[in-house]
């Protein structure tokens, strides 16, 4: 399973990321060590330090899994690293 990691260069980066996350109905969190922050919460996200790398956790709780679309969008707009094997969630969404 692949994992996504993001590094924010500025507070503007964080705000733009929150705006992207709010476009999706799925659960999106940022893991900072043992702490999880809702990626749709501007207040929580602005507590993160720029220049550090955080893991993105994406969870789909309905039949419409938009992970591939989300992944593609953030790879274009932000400093994101992908580690591990490609995630097969989309192909298994109908099971």
Protein backbone atom coordinates (compact mmCIF):
# COMPACT_ATOMS: atom_id res chain seq x y z
CA UNK A 1 0.00 0.00 0.00
CA UNK A 2 1.33 3.43 -0.88
CA UNK A 3 1.71 6.31 1.53
CA UNK A 4 1.66 10.01 0.72
CA UNK A 5 3.91 12.51 2.50
CA UNK A 6 3.62 16.29 2.21
CA UNK A 7 5.96 19.14 3.12
CA UNK A 8 4.44 22.59 3.40
CA UNK A 9 6.70 25.46 2.34
CA UNK A 10 4.50 28.25 3.71
CA UNK A 11 1.26 29.01 5.51
CA UNK A 12 -0.22 29.80 2.09
CA UNK A 13 0.61 26.20 1.08
CA UNK A 14 -1.26 24.92 4.13
CA UNK A 15 -4.31 27.09 3.39
CA UNK A 16 -4.35 25.96 -0.26
CA UNK A 17 -4.10 22.30 0.84
CA UNK A 18 -7.04 22.73 3.24
CA UNK A 19 -9.08 24.23 0.39
CA UNK A 20 -8.30 21.22 -1.82
CA UNK A 21 -9.19 18.77 0.97
CA UNK A 22 -12.53 20.51 1.56
CA UNK A 23 -13.52 19.67 -2.03
CA UNK A 24 -13.66 15.96 -1.09
CA UNK A 25 -16.31 14.22 1.04
CA UNK A 26 -13.83 11.60 2.25
CA UNK A 27 -11.88 11.78 5.51
CA UNK A 28 -8.42 13.33 5.09
CA UNK A 29 -6.03 13.62 8.02
CA UNK A 30 -2.42 14.66 8.53
CA UNK A 31 -0.27 12.55 10.85
CA UNK A 32 2.33 14.49 12.80
CA UNK A 33 4.06 11.86 14.92
CA UNK A 34 1.31 10.35 17.08
CA UNK A 35 -1.05 13.28 16.53
CA UNK A 36 -3.75 13.31 13.83
CA UNK A 37 -5.07 16.60 12.47
CA UNK A 38 -8.17 16.95 10.32
CA UNK A 39 -6.85 18.25 6.99
CA UNK A 40 -10.08 20.21 6.51
CA UNK A 41 -9.56 22.22 9.71
CA UNK A 42 -7.73 25.46 8.98
CA UNK A 43 -7.06 26.09 12.68
CA UNK A 44 -5.62 22.63 13.27
CA UNK A 45 -3.55 22.71 10.09
CA UNK A 46 -2.01 26.10 10.83
CA UNK A 47 -0.53 24.59 14.01
CA UNK A 48 1.75 22.44 11.81
CA UNK A 49 5.29 23.63 11.16
CA UNK A 50 6.33 24.49 7.65
CA UNK A 51 9.37 22.64 6.36
CA UNK A 52 8.48 19.40 8.15
CA UNK A 53 7.15 16.31 6.37
CA UNK A 54 3.78 14.84 7.36
CA UNK A 55 1.90 11.71 6.31
CA UNK A 56 -1.47 12.14 4.59
CA UNK A 57 -4.11 9.61 5.64
CA UNK A 58 -7.06 9.30 3.26
CA UNK A 59 -10.16 7.35 4.25
CA UNK A 60 -13.24 6.64 2.18
CA UNK A 61 -16.41 5.64 4.01
CA UNK A 62 -18.87 5.50 1.12
CA UNK A 63 -19.07 3.91 -2.32
CA UNK A 64 -17.54 6.89 -4.13
CA UNK A 65 -13.77 6.69 -3.59
CA UNK A 66 -12.03 9.78 -4.96
CA UNK A 67 -8.53 8.85 -3.80
CA UNK A 68 -7.02 8.72 -7.31
CA UNK A 69 -8.41 12.14 -8.18
CA UNK A 70 -7.21 13.60 -4.84
CA UNK A 71 -3.77 12.03 -5.28
CA UNK A 72 -3.39 13.42 -8.80
CA UNK A 73 -4.48 16.91 -7.72
CA UNK A 74 -2.11 17.20 -4.76
CA UNK A 75 0.83 15.77 -6.71
CA UNK A 76 0.42 18.64 -9.18
CA UNK A 77 0.00 21.40 -6.60
CA UNK A 78 2.15 20.52 -3.59
CA UNK A 79 5.46 19.02 -2.53
CA UNK A 80 4.25 15.43 -2.10
CA UNK A 81 6.28 12.22 -1.99
CA UNK A 82 4.76 8.79 -2.70
CA UNK A 83 6.26 5.77 -0.95
CA UNK A 84 5.32 2.15 -1.35
CA UNK A 85 3.30 0.27 -3.94
CA UNK A 86 0.41 1.88 -5.84
CA UNK A 87 -2.83 1.79 -3.91
CA UNK A 88 -5.49 -0.44 -5.46
CA UNK A 89 -8.45 1.15 -3.64
CA UNK A 90 -10.10 2.49 -6.78
CA UNK A 91 -10.13 -0.86 -8.55
CA UNK A 92 -11.61 -2.53 -5.46
CA UNK A 93 -14.21 0.16 -4.70
CA UNK A 94 -17.02 -1.85 -6.25
CA UNK A 95 -16.37 -5.00 -4.21
